[in-house]
C-alpha atoms as a PDB file:
ATOM      1  CA  MET A   1      73.382  53.856 156.312  1.00  0.00           C
ATOM      2  CA  ASN A   2      73.263  52.744 159.551  1.00  0.00           C
ATOM      3  CA  THR A   3      72.392  55.714 161.599  1.00  0.00           C
ATOM      4  CA  SER A   4      73.377  53.922 164.937  1.00  0.00           C
ATOM      5  CA  LEU A   5      77.037  54.278 163.447  1.00  0.00           C
ATOM      6  CA  VAL A   6      77.031  57.680 162.077  1.00  0.00           C
ATOM      7  CA  ARG A   7      76.404  59.059 165.647  1.00  0.00           C
ATOM      8  CA  THR A   8      79.076  56.704 167.029  1.00  0.00           C
ATOM      9  CA  ALA A   9      82.034  58.014 164.739  1.00  0.00           C
ATOM     10  CA  ILE A  10      80.631  61.596 165.217  1.00  0.00           C
ATOM     11  CA  PHE A  11      80.803  61.118 169.234  1.00  0.00           C
ATOM     12  CA  ALA A  12      84.356  59.638 168.550  1.00  0.00           C
ATOM     13  CA  GLY A  13      85.364  62.532 166.495  1.00  0.00           C
ATOM     14  CA  LEU A  14      84.218  64.802 169.505  1.00  0.00           C
ATOM     15  CA  LEU A  15      85.253  62.933 172.061  1.00  0.00           C
ATOM     16  CA  GLN A  16      88.868  62.991 170.119  1.00  0.00           C
ATOM     17  CA  LEU A  17      88.222  67.060 170.157  1.00  0.00           C
ATOM     18  CA  ALA A  18      87.856  67.596 173.529  1.00  0.00           C
ATOM     19  CA  LEU A  19      90.448  65.845 174.656  1.00  0.00           C
ATOM     20  CA  LEU A  20      92.935  67.290 171.965  1.00  0.00           C
ATOM     21  CA  ALA A  21      91.471  70.924 173.480  1.00  0.00           C
ATOM     22  CA  PRO A  22      93.504  70.954 177.023  1.00  0.00           C
ATOM     23  CA  HIS A  23      97.252  70.069 175.105  1.00  0.00           C
ATOM     24  CA  ALA A  24      95.901  72.724 172.176  1.00  0.00           C
ATOM     25  CA  ALA A  25      95.851  76.017 175.170  1.00  0.00           C
ATOM     26  CA  VAL A  26      99.064  74.212 176.698  1.00  0.00           C
ATOM     27  CA  ALA A  27     100.904  74.896 173.656  1.00  0.00           C
ATOM     28  CA  GLU A  28      99.587  78.172 173.351  1.00  0.00           C
ATOM     29  CA  SER A  29     100.603  79.624 176.567  1.00  0.00           C
ATOM     30  CA  ALA A  30     103.447  78.222 176.454  1.00  0.00           C
ATOM     31  CA  ALA A  31     104.528  80.145 173.274  1.00  0.00           C
ATOM     32  CA  THR A  32     103.182  83.621 175.499  1.00  0.00           C
ATOM     33  CA  ALA A  33     105.150  82.364 178.399  1.00  0.00           C
ATOM     34  CA  ALA A  34     106.910  84.560 180.005  1.00  0.00           C
ATOM     35  CA  THR A  35     111.003  84.250 180.237  1.00  0.00           C
ATOM     36  CA  GLU A  36     113.254  85.948 182.898  1.00  0.00           C
ATOM     37  CA  VAL A  37     116.943  87.182 182.501  1.00  0.00           C
ATOM     38  CA  LYS A  38     118.445  88.115 185.672  1.00  0.00           C
ATOM     39  CA  ILE A  39     121.115  90.858 186.496  1.00  0.00           C
ATOM     40  CA  ASP A  40     123.700  90.510 188.745  1.00  0.00           C
ATOM     41  CA  ASN A  41     127.340  91.367 188.838  1.00  0.00           C
ATOM     42  CA  PHE A  42     127.233  94.040 185.985  1.00  0.00           C
ATOM     43  CA  THR A  43     126.384  90.901 183.663  1.00  0.00           C
ATOM     44  CA  PHE A  44     122.671  90.001 182.134  1.00  0.00           C
ATOM     45  CA  ALA A  45     121.780  86.155 182.691  1.00  0.00           C
ATOM     46  CA  PRO A  46     121.603  84.654 180.236  1.00  0.00           C
ATOM     47  CA  GLN A  47     123.647  86.342 177.831  1.00  0.00           C
ATOM     48  CA  ARG A  48     121.692  84.848 174.670  1.00  0.00           C
ATOM     49  CA  LEU A  49     117.856  83.885 174.983  1.00  0.00           C
ATOM     50  CA  ALA A  50     115.777  82.440 172.179  1.00  0.00           C
ATOM     51  CA  VAL A  51     112.120  83.089 172.530  1.00  0.00           C
ATOM     52  CA  LYS A  52     108.680  82.794 170.095  1.00  0.00           C
ATOM     53  CA  VAL A  53     107.094  86.070 168.729  1.00  0.00           C
ATOM     54  CA  GLY A  54     104.334  86.776 171.765  1.00  0.00           C
ATOM     55  CA  THR A  55     106.602  85.942 174.781  1.00  0.00           C
ATOM     56  CA  THR A  56     107.451  88.556 177.293  1.00  0.00           C
ATOM     57  CA  VAL A  57     110.770  88.835 178.791  1.00  0.00           C
ATOM     58  CA  THR A  58     111.266  89.919 182.045  1.00  0.00           C
ATOM     59  CA  TRP A  59     114.586  91.669 183.354  1.00  0.00           C
ATOM     60  CA  THR A  60     114.864  91.706 187.550  1.00  0.00           C
ATOM     61  CA  ASN A  61     117.857  93.663 188.946  1.00  0.00           C
ATOM     62  CA  GLU A  62     119.342  92.117 191.432  1.00  0.00           C
ATOM     63  CA  ASP A  63     122.352  93.645 191.787  1.00  0.00           C
ATOM     64  CA  ASP A  64     123.144  96.390 194.291  1.00  0.00           C
ATOM     65  CA  ILE A  65     123.837  99.015 191.962  1.00  0.00           C
ATOM     66  CA  PRO A  66     120.906 100.475 189.256  1.00  0.00           C
ATOM     67  CA  HIS A  67     121.452  99.461 185.696  1.00  0.00           C
ATOM     68  CA  THR A  68     119.186 100.262 182.419  1.00  0.00           C
ATOM     69  CA  VAL A  69     117.991  97.752 179.442  1.00  0.00           C
ATOM     70  CA  VAL A  70     118.189  99.776 176.083  1.00  0.00           C
ATOM     71  CA  SER A  71     117.713  97.916 173.226  1.00  0.00           C
ATOM     72  CA  THR A  72     120.708  99.449 170.343  1.00  0.00           C
ATOM     73  CA  SER A  73     117.845  99.033 167.904  1.00  0.00           C
ATOM     74  CA  LEU A  74     115.425 101.267 170.395  1.00  0.00           C
ATOM     75  CA  ALA A  75     112.879  98.928 170.174  1.00  0.00           C
ATOM     76  CA  PHE A  76     112.600  98.895 174.111  1.00  0.00           C
ATOM     77  CA  ARG A  77     114.210 100.763 176.866  1.00  0.00           C
ATOM     78  CA  SER A  78     113.755 100.389 180.556  1.00  0.00           C
ATOM     79  CA  LYS A  79     113.647 103.276 183.544  1.00  0.00           C
ATOM     80  CA  VAL A  80     116.318 102.963 185.734  1.00  0.00           C
ATOM     81  CA  LEU A  81     116.440  99.901 187.899  1.00  0.00           C
ATOM     82  CA  ASP A  82     117.454 100.003 190.912  1.00  0.00           C
ATOM     83  CA  THR A  83     117.663  96.792 193.319  1.00  0.00           C
ATOM     84  CA  ASP A  84     114.711  93.814 192.687  1.00  0.00           C
ATOM     85  CA  ASP A  85     113.112  96.332 190.351  1.00  0.00           C
ATOM     86  CA  LYS A  86     111.863  94.556 187.238  1.00  0.00           C
ATOM     87  CA  PHE A  87     111.494  95.457 183.151  1.00  0.00           C
ATOM     88  CA  SER A  88     109.293  93.873 181.244  1.00  0.00           C
ATOM     89  CA  PHE A  89     108.626  94.251 177.225  1.00  0.00           C
ATOM     90  CA  THR A  90     106.662  91.911 174.899  1.00  0.00           C
ATOM     91  CA  PHE A  91     108.598  91.102 171.876  1.00  0.00           C
ATOM     92  CA  THR A  92     105.728  90.724 168.955  1.00  0.00           C
ATOM     93  CA  THR A  93     107.908  90.926 166.287  1.00  0.00           C
ATOM     94  CA  ALA A  94     110.367  87.994 165.150  1.00  0.00           C
ATOM     95  CA  GLY A  95     114.184  89.244 164.976  1.00  0.00           C
ATOM     96  CA  THR A  96     117.460  89.696 166.758  1.00  0.00           C
ATOM     97  CA  PHE A  97     117.221  92.374 169.239  1.00  0.00           C
ATOM     98  CA  GLU A  98     120.831  93.104 170.755  1.00  0.00           C
ATOM     99  CA  TYR A  99     120.618  94.814 174.118  1.00  0.00           C
ATOM    100  CA  PHE A 100     122.627  96.626 176.790  1.00  0.00           C
ATOM    101  CA  CYS A 101     123.231  99.129 180.121  1.00  0.00           C
ATOM    102  CA  SER A 102     123.125 102.489 179.515  1.00  0.00           C
ATOM    103  CA  LEU A 103     125.239 103.081 182.840  1.00  0.00           C
ATOM    104  CA  HIS A 104     127.309 100.009 181.881  1.00  0.00           C
ATOM    105  CA  PRO A 105     127.425  99.976 178.298  1.00  0.00           C
ATOM    106  CA  HIS A 106     129.866  96.738 178.217  1.00  0.00           C
ATOM    107  CA  MET A 107     127.064  94.560 179.920  1.00  0.00           C
ATOM    108  CA  THR A 108     125.293  93.263 176.910  1.00  0.00           C
ATOM    109  CA  ALA A 109     123.403  90.283 175.751  1.00  0.00           C
ATOM    110  CA  THR A 110     120.908  89.428 172.955  1.00  0.00           C
ATOM    111  CA  ILE A 111     116.957  88.195 172.618  1.00  0.00           C
ATOM    112  CA  VAL A 112     116.456  85.991 169.532  1.00  0.00           C
ATOM    113  CA  VAL A 113     112.736  86.117 168.723  1.00  0.00           C
ATOM    114  CA  GLU A 114     111.251  83.185 166.706  1.00  0.00           C
ATOM    115  CA  THR A 115     108.219  82.578 164.649  1.00  0.00           C
ATOM    116  CA  THR A 116     109.099  78.752 164.893  1.00  0.00           C
ATOM    117  CA  ALA A 117     109.123  76.322 167.538  1.00  0.00           C
ATOM    118  CA  GLY A 118     111.911  77.091 169.905  1.00  0.00           C
ATOM    119  CA  GLY A 119     113.147  79.142 172.946  1.00  0.00           C
ATOM    120  CA  GLY A 120     115.386  79.129 176.119  1.00  0.00           C
ATOM    121  CA  ALA A 121     119.307  79.933 176.537  1.00  0.00           C
ATOM    122  CA  VAL A 122     120.817  79.363 173.405  1.00  0.00           C
ATOM    123  CA  PRO A 123     125.246  78.542 173.759  1.00  0.00           C
END
């Protein structure tokens, strides 16, 4: 067997792996990227959000009155958030998480946590 051809094939394979590695890192970091939910004018925006397992969602109170973020299943619960306060939660399991403001129960929204590709505002 021609050792020169074997070395060339091995080098080509290693080069290909080296070129693909940064893309895998970007894909993984996107899967665990932070996602923002704004609280303003007695609403959560977006109203419905789809994320992947491992995503951290951060709620920011941009309203001039206090609010909370409470899951109906009690999977997460914030303290009272004053203006510009933030609350973050990392979703480690798939499922649908409905939540509301315990101070203003008419304020509701939903996070859908998926195990497959997806993410972003959902109609």
